[in-house]
Amino acid sequence: MTFEELLPKIIYSAISIIVLLVAHRVAINLVNRFAKNQEKVEKRTKLIKKYFDFAFIFLFVFWNILIWGVQFSDVGLVFSSVFAVIGVALFAQWSILSNVTSGIIMFFTFPFKIGDTIKIHDKDFFTEPLIIEDINAFQTLLKSENGQLLCYPNNMILQKGITIISADNLSIEYADIDEKNLTQTHD
């Protein structure tokens, strides 16, 4: 290939770098703003930013593979083969992927945060109030009233009913919790 043939590919690659860097910066700023507004812990914010970093690196590599002339069908074949191997490897460990996805969902949507007291409605689990100590990629660390530290999978938190007993970000405290009704008292 001559320089004249390579020049457009070099320019497109440079443009892809600039576009993805700007998009990455915008996405990270949005995550930081969301974390600040929702008072999320810095450790959890860093974890979400790592996920975004991975996604943008993946997009950059994919985009530049296409720019440099690799046929889409060839790229599709390689990626489908890689994902098939990863899928088989994760089949036995599907809950790992489920827990990571649940951790991301919990970061953006759940009304509780570290330090809040919750009750998980699970017949096979503790029925006492638990304090959220940390929310990691795979599990949530909960502390019972007697000081036990429990690891509860993130995907189970999405599947079970949760009652927020006390929270810094809510002005509601729940009292008199029983099976039939839930009465609220305001601070």
N, C-alpha and C. Protein backbone atom coordinates (compact mmCIF):
# COMPACT_ATOMS: atom_id res chain seq x y z
N MET A 1 0.84 -1.19 0.00
CA MET A 1 0.00 0.00 0.00
C MET A 1 0.87 1.24 0.00
N THR A 2 0.42 2.20 -0.71
CA THR A 2 1.15 3.47 -0.77
C THR A 2 0.65 4.38 0.35
N PHE A 3 1.41 5.45 0.53
CA PHE A 3 1.03 6.41 1.56
C PHE A 3 -0.32 7.05 1.27
N GLU A 4 -0.61 7.27 -0.01
CA GLU A 4 -1.90 7.86 -0.40
C GLU A 4 -3.06 6.94 -0.03
N GLU A 5 -2.85 5.64 -0.09
CA GLU A 5 -3.89 4.68 0.29
C GLU A 5 -4.03 4.56 1.80
N LEU A 6 -2.91 4.74 2.51
CA LEU A 6 -2.93 4.64 3.97
C LEU A 6 -3.44 5.90 4.65
N LEU A 7 -3.25 7.05 4.01
CA LEU A 7 -3.61 8.33 4.63
C LEU A 7 -5.07 8.39 5.10
N PRO A 8 -6.06 7.99 4.29
CA PRO A 8 -7.45 8.04 4.79
C PRO A 8 -7.67 7.14 6.01
N LYS A 9 -7.03 5.98 6.03
CA LYS A 9 -7.18 5.07 7.17
C LYS A 9 -6.55 5.66 8.42
N ILE A 10 -5.42 6.32 8.26
CA ILE A 10 -4.77 6.97 9.40
C ILE A 10 -5.64 8.11 9.92
N ILE A 11 -6.21 8.89 9.00
CA ILE A 11 -7.10 10.00 9.41
C ILE A 11 -8.33 9.46 10.12
N TYR A 12 -8.96 8.41 9.58
CA TYR A 12 -10.14 7.81 10.22
C TYR A 12 -9.80 7.24 11.59
N SER A 13 -8.62 6.65 11.71
CA SER A 13 -8.20 6.12 13.01
C SER A 13 -8.01 7.25 14.02
N ALA A 14 -7.41 8.36 13.56
CA ALA A 14 -7.22 9.51 14.45
C ALA A 14 -8.57 10.09 14.87
N ILE A 15 -9.48 10.18 13.90
CA ILE A 15 -10.82 10.67 14.22
C ILE A 15 -11.51 9.74 15.20
N SER A 16 -11.34 8.43 15.03
CA SER A 16 -11.97 7.48 15.95
C SER A 16 -11.42 7.64 17.36
N ILE A 17 -10.12 7.91 17.46
CA ILE A 17 -9.52 8.13 18.78
C ILE A 17 -10.14 9.36 19.43
N ILE A 18 -10.23 10.44 18.67
CA ILE A 18 -10.77 11.69 19.22
C ILE A 18 -12.24 11.52 19.61
N VAL A 19 -13.03 10.93 18.73
CA VAL A 19 -14.46 10.74 19.01
C VAL A 19 -14.67 9.86 20.24
N LEU A 20 -13.95 8.76 20.31
CA LEU A 20 -14.12 7.87 21.46
C LEU A 20 -13.59 8.48 22.75
N LEU A 21 -12.51 9.26 22.68
CA LEU A 21 -12.01 9.94 23.88
C LEU A 21 -13.02 10.97 24.38
N VAL A 22 -13.61 11.71 23.46
CA VAL A 22 -14.63 12.70 23.86
C VAL A 22 -15.86 11.99 24.43
N ALA A 23 -16.31 10.93 23.74
CA ALA A 23 -17.47 10.18 24.24
C ALA A 23 -17.17 9.55 25.59
N HIS A 24 -15.96 9.04 25.75
CA HIS A 24 -15.55 8.45 27.04
C HIS A 24 -15.57 9.50 28.14
N ARG A 25 -15.02 10.68 27.86
CA ARG A 25 -14.98 11.76 28.85
C ARG A 25 -16.40 12.17 29.23
N VAL A 26 -17.29 12.29 28.25
CA VAL A 26 -18.69 12.66 28.52
C VAL A 26 -19.34 11.58 29.39
N ALA A 27 -19.15 10.31 29.05
CA ALA A 27 -19.75 9.22 29.82
C ALA A 27 -19.22 9.19 31.25
N ILE A 28 -17.92 9.36 31.42
CA ILE A 28 -17.33 9.36 32.77
C ILE A 28 -17.83 10.55 33.57
N ASN A 29 -17.95 11.72 32.93
CA ASN A 29 -18.49 12.89 33.63
C ASN A 29 -19.93 12.66 34.06
N LEU A 30 -20.72 12.02 33.21
CA LEU A 30 -22.11 11.71 33.58
C LEU A 30 -22.16 10.73 34.75
N VAL A 31 -21.30 9.73 34.74
CA VAL A 31 -21.25 8.78 35.86
C VAL A 31 -20.83 9.50 37.13
N ASN A 32 -19.81 10.37 37.04
CA ASN A 32 -19.36 11.12 38.23
C ASN A 32 -20.46 12.03 38.76
N ARG A 33 -21.16 12.71 37.85
CA ARG A 33 -22.25 13.60 38.27
C ARG A 33 -23.37 12.80 38.93
N PHE A 34 -23.73 11.67 38.32
CA PHE A 34 -24.76 10.81 38.90
C PHE A 34 -24.34 10.32 40.28
N ALA A 35 -23.09 9.88 40.40
CA ALA A 35 -22.59 9.37 41.69
C ALA A 35 -22.60 10.47 42.75
N LYS A 36 -22.23 11.68 42.35
CA LYS A 36 -22.23 12.79 43.32
C LYS A 36 -23.65 13.15 43.74
N ASN A 37 -24.57 13.22 42.77
CA ASN A 37 -25.96 13.55 43.09
C ASN A 37 -26.63 12.49 43.95
N GLN A 38 -26.30 11.23 43.71
CA GLN A 38 -26.90 10.12 44.45
C GLN A 38 -26.07 9.71 45.67
N GLU A 39 -24.97 10.43 45.90
CA GLU A 39 -24.08 10.17 47.03
C GLU A 39 -23.59 8.72 47.05
N LYS A 40 -23.10 8.26 45.90
CA LYS A 40 -22.55 6.90 45.79
C LYS A 40 -21.13 6.90 46.31
N VAL A 41 -20.70 5.77 46.80
CA VAL A 41 -19.35 5.62 47.34
C VAL A 41 -18.35 5.62 46.18
N GLU A 42 -17.21 6.25 46.41
CA GLU A 42 -16.18 6.39 45.37
C GLU A 42 -15.70 5.04 44.85
N LYS A 43 -15.61 4.05 45.72
CA LYS A 43 -15.17 2.72 45.30
C LYS A 43 -16.12 2.14 44.25
N ARG A 44 -17.41 2.29 44.46
CA ARG A 44 -18.40 1.79 43.50
C ARG A 44 -18.35 2.59 42.20
N THR A 45 -18.14 3.88 42.31
CA THR A 45 -18.04 4.72 41.13
C THR A 45 -16.85 4.30 40.28
N LYS A 46 -15.72 4.01 40.91
CA LYS A 46 -14.54 3.55 40.18
C LYS A 46 -14.82 2.24 39.46
N LEU A 47 -15.56 1.35 40.07
CA LEU A 47 -15.90 0.07 39.45
C LEU A 47 -16.72 0.29 38.19
N ILE A 48 -17.71 1.14 38.25
CA ILE A 48 -18.54 1.43 37.08
C ILE A 48 -17.69 2.09 35.99
N LYS A 49 -16.78 2.98 36.38
CA LYS A 49 -15.91 3.62 35.39
C LYS A 49 -15.01 2.60 34.71
N LYS A 50 -14.57 1.57 35.42
CA LYS A 50 -13.77 0.50 34.79
C LYS A 50 -14.59 -0.23 33.73
N TYR A 51 -15.87 -0.48 34.01
CA TYR A 51 -16.73 -1.11 33.02
C TYR A 51 -16.85 -0.25 31.77
N PHE A 52 -17.00 1.06 31.95
CA PHE A 52 -17.07 1.97 30.81
C PHE A 52 -15.75 1.98 30.05
N ASP A 53 -14.62 1.96 30.77
CA ASP A 53 -13.31 1.91 30.11
C ASP A 53 -13.22 0.68 29.21
N PHE A 54 -13.62 -0.46 29.73
CA PHE A 54 -13.58 -1.70 28.95
C PHE A 54 -14.45 -1.59 27.70
N ALA A 55 -15.64 -1.05 27.86
CA ALA A 55 -16.56 -0.92 26.73
C ALA A 55 -15.97 0.00 25.65
N PHE A 56 -15.36 1.11 26.05
CA PHE A 56 -14.80 2.03 25.06
C PHE A 56 -13.56 1.45 24.39
N ILE A 57 -12.75 0.70 25.11
CA ILE A 57 -11.61 0.03 24.48
C ILE A 57 -12.10 -0.98 23.46
N PHE A 58 -13.12 -1.74 23.82
CA PHE A 58 -13.71 -2.71 22.89
C PHE A 58 -14.22 -2.01 21.64
N LEU A 59 -14.94 -0.90 21.80
CA LEU A 59 -15.44 -0.14 20.65
C LEU A 59 -14.30 0.38 19.78
N PHE A 60 -13.25 0.89 20.41
CA PHE A 60 -12.10 1.41 19.66
C PHE A 60 -11.46 0.31 18.82
N VAL A 61 -11.21 -0.83 19.42
CA VAL A 61 -10.58 -1.94 18.69
C VAL A 61 -11.49 -2.40 17.54
N PHE A 62 -12.75 -2.58 17.82
CA PHE A 62 -13.70 -3.03 16.80
C PHE A 62 -13.78 -2.03 15.65
N TRP A 63 -13.90 -0.75 15.99
CA TRP A 63 -14.02 0.29 14.99
C TRP A 63 -12.78 0.34 14.10
N ASN A 64 -11.59 0.26 14.71
CA ASN A 64 -10.36 0.34 13.94
C ASN A 64 -10.09 -0.91 13.12
N ILE A 65 -10.57 -2.04 13.57
CA ILE A 65 -10.46 -3.24 12.75
C ILE A 65 -11.25 -3.04 11.46
N LEU A 66 -12.41 -2.45 11.56
CA LEU A 66 -13.21 -2.18 10.37
C LEU A 66 -12.57 -1.10 9.48
N ILE A 67 -11.98 -0.08 10.09
CA ILE A 67 -11.34 0.99 9.33
C ILE A 67 -10.18 0.45 8.49
N TRP A 68 -9.42 -0.45 9.07
CA TRP A 68 -8.22 -0.93 8.39
C TRP A 68 -8.51 -2.04 7.39
N GLY A 69 -9.77 -2.28 7.08
CA GLY A 69 -10.11 -3.11 5.95
C GLY A 69 -10.43 -4.55 6.21
N VAL A 70 -10.52 -4.93 7.45
CA VAL A 70 -10.92 -6.30 7.73
C VAL A 70 -12.42 -6.38 7.45
N GLN A 71 -12.84 -7.39 6.75
CA GLN A 71 -14.25 -7.54 6.38
C GLN A 71 -15.10 -7.79 7.63
N PHE A 72 -16.28 -7.21 7.61
CA PHE A 72 -17.19 -7.36 8.76
C PHE A 72 -17.50 -8.82 9.05
N SER A 73 -17.64 -9.62 7.99
CA SER A 73 -17.95 -11.05 8.20
C SER A 73 -16.79 -11.76 8.90
N ASP A 74 -15.54 -11.35 8.59
CA ASP A 74 -14.38 -11.95 9.26
C ASP A 74 -14.34 -11.54 10.74
N VAL A 75 -14.62 -10.27 10.99
CA VAL A 75 -14.65 -9.79 12.37
C VAL A 75 -15.77 -10.48 13.13
N GLY A 76 -16.92 -10.61 12.48
CA GLY A 76 -18.06 -11.29 13.10
C GLY A 76 -17.74 -12.73 13.44
N LEU A 77 -17.03 -13.39 12.55
CA LEU A 77 -16.64 -14.78 12.79
C LEU A 77 -15.70 -14.89 13.99
N VAL A 78 -14.71 -14.00 14.05
CA VAL A 78 -13.76 -14.02 15.17
C VAL A 78 -14.48 -13.73 16.48
N PHE A 79 -15.30 -12.65 16.50
CA PHE A 79 -15.98 -12.29 17.74
C PHE A 79 -16.99 -13.35 18.16
N SER A 80 -17.71 -13.93 17.21
CA SER A 80 -18.67 -14.97 17.59
C SER A 80 -17.95 -16.20 18.13
N SER A 81 -16.79 -16.52 17.56
CA SER A 81 -16.02 -17.65 18.08
C SER A 81 -15.52 -17.38 19.49
N VAL A 82 -14.99 -16.17 19.70
CA VAL A 82 -14.50 -15.80 21.03
C VAL A 82 -15.64 -15.81 22.04
N PHE A 83 -16.78 -15.21 21.68
CA PHE A 83 -17.90 -15.16 22.60
C PHE A 83 -18.50 -16.55 22.84
N ALA A 84 -18.43 -17.42 21.86
CA ALA A 84 -18.90 -18.80 22.06
C ALA A 84 -18.04 -19.52 23.10
N VAL A 85 -16.72 -19.34 23.00
CA VAL A 85 -15.82 -19.96 23.98
C VAL A 85 -16.06 -19.36 25.37
N ILE A 86 -16.18 -18.04 25.42
CA ILE A 86 -16.45 -17.39 26.71
C ILE A 86 -17.79 -17.84 27.26
N GLY A 87 -18.80 -17.95 26.39
CA GLY A 87 -20.12 -18.39 26.82
C GLY A 87 -20.10 -19.79 27.41
N VAL A 88 -19.36 -20.68 26.76
CA VAL A 88 -19.24 -22.05 27.29
C VAL A 88 -18.52 -22.03 28.63
N ALA A 89 -17.47 -21.20 28.72
CA ALA A 89 -16.72 -21.13 29.97
C ALA A 89 -17.57 -20.55 31.09
N LEU A 90 -18.44 -19.60 30.75
CA LEU A 90 -19.26 -18.96 31.77
C LEU A 90 -20.57 -19.71 32.04
N PHE A 91 -20.89 -20.69 31.21
CA PHE A 91 -22.15 -21.39 31.39
C PHE A 91 -22.27 -21.94 32.80
N ALA A 92 -21.21 -22.56 33.29
CA ALA A 92 -21.23 -23.11 34.64
C ALA A 92 -21.18 -21.99 35.68
N GLN A 93 -20.70 -20.82 35.28
CA GLN A 93 -20.56 -19.70 36.21
C GLN A 93 -21.45 -18.53 35.80
N TRP A 94 -22.63 -18.82 35.28
CA TRP A 94 -23.50 -17.76 34.80
C TRP A 94 -23.83 -16.76 35.88
N SER A 95 -23.82 -17.21 37.12
CA SER A 95 -24.18 -16.30 38.20
C SER A 95 -23.15 -15.19 38.38
N ILE A 96 -21.90 -15.42 37.97
CA ILE A 96 -20.89 -14.37 38.05
C ILE A 96 -21.29 -13.21 37.15
N LEU A 97 -21.63 -13.52 35.92
CA LEU A 97 -22.06 -12.49 34.99
C LEU A 97 -23.34 -11.81 35.48
N SER A 98 -24.24 -12.59 36.02
CA SER A 98 -25.48 -12.06 36.56
C SER A 98 -25.21 -11.11 37.73
N ASN A 99 -24.26 -11.46 38.59
CA ASN A 99 -23.94 -10.61 39.73
C ASN A 99 -23.29 -9.30 39.30
N VAL A 100 -22.42 -9.35 38.30
CA VAL A 100 -21.80 -8.12 37.80
C VAL A 100 -22.86 -7.21 37.19
N THR A 101 -23.73 -7.77 36.38
CA THR A 101 -24.81 -6.98 35.77
C THR A 101 -25.72 -6.40 36.86
N SER A 102 -26.03 -7.19 37.86
CA SER A 102 -26.87 -6.71 38.97
C SER A 102 -26.17 -5.58 39.71
N GLY A 103 -24.86 -5.67 39.89
CA GLY A 103 -24.11 -4.59 40.55
C GLY A 103 -24.21 -3.28 39.80
N ILE A 104 -24.17 -3.35 38.47
CA ILE A 104 -24.30 -2.14 37.65
C ILE A 104 -25.72 -1.57 37.77
N ILE A 105 -26.72 -2.44 37.70
CA ILE A 105 -28.11 -2.00 37.83
C ILE A 105 -28.33 -1.35 39.20
N MET A 106 -27.78 -1.97 40.24
CA MET A 106 -27.95 -1.43 41.59
C MET A 106 -27.29 -0.06 41.72
N PHE A 107 -26.18 0.16 41.03
CA PHE A 107 -25.50 1.46 41.11
C PHE A 107 -26.39 2.58 40.61
N PHE A 108 -27.10 2.32 39.50
CA PHE A 108 -27.87 3.39 38.88
C PHE A 108 -29.31 3.50 39.38
N THR A 109 -29.91 2.44 39.93
CA THR A 109 -31.34 2.49 40.16
C THR A 109 -31.79 2.27 41.59
N PHE A 110 -31.01 1.68 42.46
CA PHE A 110 -31.55 1.30 43.76
C PHE A 110 -31.56 2.45 44.74
N PRO A 111 -32.61 2.51 45.59
CA PRO A 111 -32.77 3.63 46.50
C PRO A 111 -31.93 3.52 47.77
N PHE A 112 -31.23 2.43 47.98
CA PHE A 112 -30.41 2.32 49.18
C PHE A 112 -28.94 2.41 48.83
N LYS A 113 -28.14 2.73 49.85
CA LYS A 113 -26.71 2.88 49.65
C LYS A 113 -25.98 2.34 50.88
N ILE A 114 -24.68 2.39 50.84
CA ILE A 114 -23.86 1.90 51.94
C ILE A 114 -24.20 2.68 53.21
N GLY A 115 -24.40 1.97 54.29
CA GLY A 115 -24.76 2.58 55.57
C GLY A 115 -26.23 2.47 55.91
N ASP A 116 -27.06 2.17 54.93
CA ASP A 116 -28.50 2.03 55.16
C ASP A 116 -28.79 0.69 55.84
N THR A 117 -29.89 0.65 56.58
CA THR A 117 -30.35 -0.57 57.22
C THR A 117 -31.51 -1.12 56.41
N ILE A 118 -31.41 -2.39 56.06
CA ILE A 118 -32.43 -3.02 55.23
C ILE A 118 -32.87 -4.34 55.85
N LYS A 119 -33.96 -4.86 55.34
CA LYS A 119 -34.44 -6.19 55.70
C LYS A 119 -34.73 -6.91 54.40
N ILE A 120 -34.15 -8.11 54.23
CA ILE A 120 -34.35 -8.91 53.03
C ILE A 120 -35.46 -9.90 53.30
N HIS A 121 -36.46 -9.93 52.43
CA HIS A 121 -37.58 -10.85 52.59
C HIS A 121 -37.26 -12.15 51.87
N ASP A 122 -36.64 -13.06 52.60
CA ASP A 122 -36.21 -14.34 52.06
C ASP A 122 -36.41 -15.38 53.15
N LYS A 123 -37.22 -16.39 52.88
CA LYS A 123 -37.53 -17.37 53.91
C LYS A 123 -36.30 -18.18 54.33
N ASP A 124 -35.27 -18.27 53.47
CA ASP A 124 -34.08 -19.04 53.78
C ASP A 124 -32.94 -18.18 54.32
N PHE A 125 -33.22 -16.93 54.60
CA PHE A 125 -32.16 -16.00 54.99
C PHE A 125 -32.57 -15.26 56.25
N PHE A 126 -31.66 -14.48 56.77
CA PHE A 126 -31.91 -13.69 57.98
C PHE A 126 -33.16 -12.84 57.81
N THR A 127 -33.92 -12.72 58.88
CA THR A 127 -35.08 -11.83 58.85
C THR A 127 -34.83 -10.61 59.71
N GLU A 128 -33.66 -10.52 60.28
CA GLU A 128 -33.32 -9.36 61.11
C GLU A 128 -32.80 -8.22 60.23
N PRO A 129 -32.82 -7.00 60.75
CA PRO A 129 -32.28 -5.87 59.99
C PRO A 129 -30.78 -6.04 59.75
N LEU A 130 -30.34 -5.62 58.58
CA LEU A 130 -28.94 -5.72 58.19
C LEU A 130 -28.45 -4.36 57.70
N ILE A 131 -27.22 -4.03 58.03
CA ILE A 131 -26.63 -2.77 57.59
C ILE A 131 -25.77 -3.06 56.36
N ILE A 132 -25.92 -2.26 55.32
CA ILE A 132 -25.12 -2.43 54.11
C ILE A 132 -23.73 -1.86 54.38
N GLU A 133 -22.73 -2.74 54.38
CA GLU A 133 -21.35 -2.34 54.62
C GLU A 133 -20.64 -1.95 53.33
N ASP A 134 -20.89 -2.71 52.25
CA ASP A 134 -20.24 -2.43 50.98
C ASP A 134 -21.03 -3.12 49.87
N ILE A 135 -20.97 -2.56 48.67
CA ILE A 135 -21.59 -3.18 47.50
C ILE A 135 -20.49 -3.34 46.47
N ASN A 136 -20.08 -4.58 46.23
CA ASN A 136 -19.01 -4.88 45.29
C ASN A 136 -19.58 -5.30 43.95
N ALA A 137 -18.70 -5.73 43.07
CA ALA A 137 -19.13 -6.17 41.74
C ALA A 137 -19.97 -7.44 41.81
N PHE A 138 -19.64 -8.35 42.72
CA PHE A 138 -20.31 -9.65 42.77
C PHE A 138 -21.28 -9.81 43.92
N GLN A 139 -21.01 -9.16 45.05
CA GLN A 139 -21.86 -9.36 46.21
C GLN A 139 -21.98 -8.06 47.02
N THR A 140 -22.98 -8.07 47.88
CA THR A 140 -23.18 -6.99 48.83
C THR A 140 -22.81 -7.50 50.20
N LEU A 141 -22.01 -6.74 50.92
CA LEU A 141 -21.60 -7.12 52.26
C LEU A 141 -22.57 -6.51 53.26
N LEU A 142 -23.17 -7.35 54.08
CA LEU A 142 -24.18 -6.93 55.05
C LEU A 142 -23.70 -7.28 56.44
N LYS A 143 -24.00 -6.42 57.40
CA LYS A 143 -23.62 -6.66 58.79
C LYS A 143 -24.88 -6.82 59.62
N SER A 144 -24.96 -7.92 60.35
CA SER A 144 -26.13 -8.17 61.18
C SER A 144 -25.99 -7.42 62.50
N GLU A 145 -27.07 -7.42 63.28
CA GLU A 145 -27.06 -6.72 64.57
C GLU A 145 -26.04 -7.30 65.54
N ASN A 146 -25.77 -8.61 65.42
CA ASN A 146 -24.80 -9.22 66.33
C ASN A 146 -23.37 -9.16 65.77
N GLY A 147 -23.14 -8.42 64.68
CA GLY A 147 -21.80 -8.19 64.18
C GLY A 147 -21.31 -9.13 63.10
N GLN A 148 -22.14 -10.09 62.69
CA GLN A 148 -21.74 -10.99 61.62
C GLN A 148 -21.67 -10.24 60.29
N LEU A 149 -20.61 -10.52 59.52
CA LEU A 149 -20.49 -9.95 58.19
C LEU A 149 -20.92 -11.00 57.18
N LEU A 150 -21.94 -10.68 56.39
CA LEU A 150 -22.54 -11.62 55.45
C LEU A 150 -22.32 -11.15 54.02
N CYS A 151 -22.03 -12.09 53.13
CA CYS A 151 -21.92 -11.79 51.70
C CYS A 151 -23.20 -12.27 51.03
N TYR A 152 -23.91 -11.36 50.39
CA TYR A 152 -25.17 -11.70 49.73
C TYR A 152 -25.03 -11.37 48.25
N PRO A 153 -25.26 -12.32 47.36
CA PRO A 153 -25.07 -12.08 45.92
C PRO A 153 -25.97 -10.95 45.40
N ASN A 154 -25.40 -10.13 44.53
CA ASN A 154 -26.15 -9.00 43.98
C ASN A 154 -27.39 -9.44 43.21
N ASN A 155 -27.29 -10.55 42.47
CA ASN A 155 -28.47 -10.97 41.70
C ASN A 155 -29.61 -11.38 42.61
N MET A 156 -29.31 -11.86 43.81
CA MET A 156 -30.36 -12.23 44.76
C MET A 156 -31.04 -10.99 45.33
N ILE A 157 -30.29 -9.91 45.48
CA ILE A 157 -30.89 -8.68 45.99
C ILE A 157 -31.92 -8.16 44.99
N LEU A 158 -31.65 -8.32 43.70
CA LEU A 158 -32.63 -7.90 42.69
C LEU A 158 -33.85 -8.79 42.68
N GLN A 159 -33.69 -10.05 43.11
CA GLN A 159 -34.80 -11.01 43.05
C GLN A 159 -35.66 -11.00 44.30
N LYS A 160 -35.13 -10.57 45.41
CA LYS A 160 -35.85 -10.61 46.68
C LYS A 160 -36.43 -9.24 47.02
N GLY A 161 -37.45 -9.27 47.82
CA GLY A 161 -38.02 -8.02 48.31
C GLY A 161 -37.12 -7.43 49.38
N ILE A 162 -36.96 -6.13 49.35
CA ILE A 162 -36.11 -5.42 50.30
C ILE A 162 -36.94 -4.32 50.96
N THR A 163 -36.86 -4.24 52.27
CA THR A 163 -37.47 -3.14 53.00
C THR A 163 -36.36 -2.26 53.53
N ILE A 164 -36.45 -0.97 53.26
CA ILE A 164 -35.47 -0.03 53.79
C ILE A 164 -35.97 0.41 55.16
N ILE A 165 -35.24 0.02 56.19
CA ILE A 165 -35.66 0.35 57.56
C ILE A 165 -35.22 1.76 57.91
N SER A 166 -33.98 2.09 57.60
CA SER A 166 -33.51 3.47 57.80
C SER A 166 -32.49 3.77 56.72
N ALA A 167 -32.54 5.02 56.26
CA ALA A 167 -31.63 5.42 55.20
C ALA A 167 -31.28 6.88 55.36
N ASP A 168 -30.04 7.20 55.01
CA ASP A 168 -29.60 8.59 55.05
C ASP A 168 -30.29 9.40 53.97
N ASN A 169 -30.59 8.76 52.83
CA ASN A 169 -31.14 9.50 51.70
C ASN A 169 -32.67 9.51 51.69
N LEU A 170 -33.31 8.89 52.66
CA LEU A 170 -34.77 8.92 52.75
C LEU A 170 -35.16 9.52 54.09
N SER A 171 -36.30 10.16 54.13
CA SER A 171 -36.77 10.73 55.39
C SER A 171 -37.86 9.86 55.99
N ILE A 172 -37.85 8.58 55.63
CA ILE A 172 -38.87 7.65 56.12
C ILE A 172 -38.19 6.57 56.95
N GLU A 173 -38.74 6.26 58.08
CA GLU A 173 -38.30 5.11 58.85
C GLU A 173 -39.46 4.14 58.94
N TYR A 174 -39.20 2.89 58.66
CA TYR A 174 -40.24 1.90 58.68
C TYR A 174 -40.28 1.24 60.06
N ALA A 175 -41.46 1.17 60.62
CA ALA A 175 -41.64 0.54 61.92
C ALA A 175 -42.79 -0.44 61.81
N ASP A 176 -42.89 -1.33 62.75
CA ASP A 176 -43.97 -2.31 62.80
C ASP A 176 -44.10 -3.07 61.49
N ILE A 177 -43.04 -3.72 61.09
CA ILE A 177 -43.07 -4.50 59.85
C ILE A 177 -43.59 -5.89 60.16
N ASP A 178 -44.65 -6.27 59.49
CA ASP A 178 -45.12 -7.65 59.62
C ASP A 178 -45.57 -8.12 58.25
N GLU A 179 -46.05 -9.32 58.17
CA GLU A 179 -46.41 -9.94 56.90
C GLU A 179 -47.58 -9.25 56.20
N LYS A 180 -48.52 -8.64 56.93
CA LYS A 180 -49.74 -8.15 56.33
C LYS A 180 -49.70 -6.68 55.95
N ASN A 181 -49.00 -5.85 56.76
CA ASN A 181 -49.01 -4.43 56.41
C ASN A 181 -47.70 -3.78 56.77
N LEU A 182 -47.52 -2.58 56.28
CA LEU A 182 -46.31 -1.81 56.48
C LEU A 182 -46.76 -0.40 56.85
N THR A 183 -46.45 0.00 58.05
CA THR A 183 -46.83 1.35 58.47
C THR A 183 -45.59 2.22 58.47
N GLN A 184 -45.75 3.46 58.07
CA GLN A 184 -44.63 4.37 57.97
C GLN A 184 -44.77 5.46 59.02
N THR A 185 -43.64 5.84 59.56
CA THR A 185 -43.60 7.00 60.43
C THR A 185 -42.54 7.92 59.87
N HIS A 186 -42.84 9.19 59.82
CA HIS A 186 -41.89 10.17 59.29
C HIS A 186 -41.02 10.69 60.42
N ASP A 187 -39.76 11.02 60.05
CA ASP A 187 -38.81 11.60 61.03
C ASP A 187 -39.31 12.92 61.55
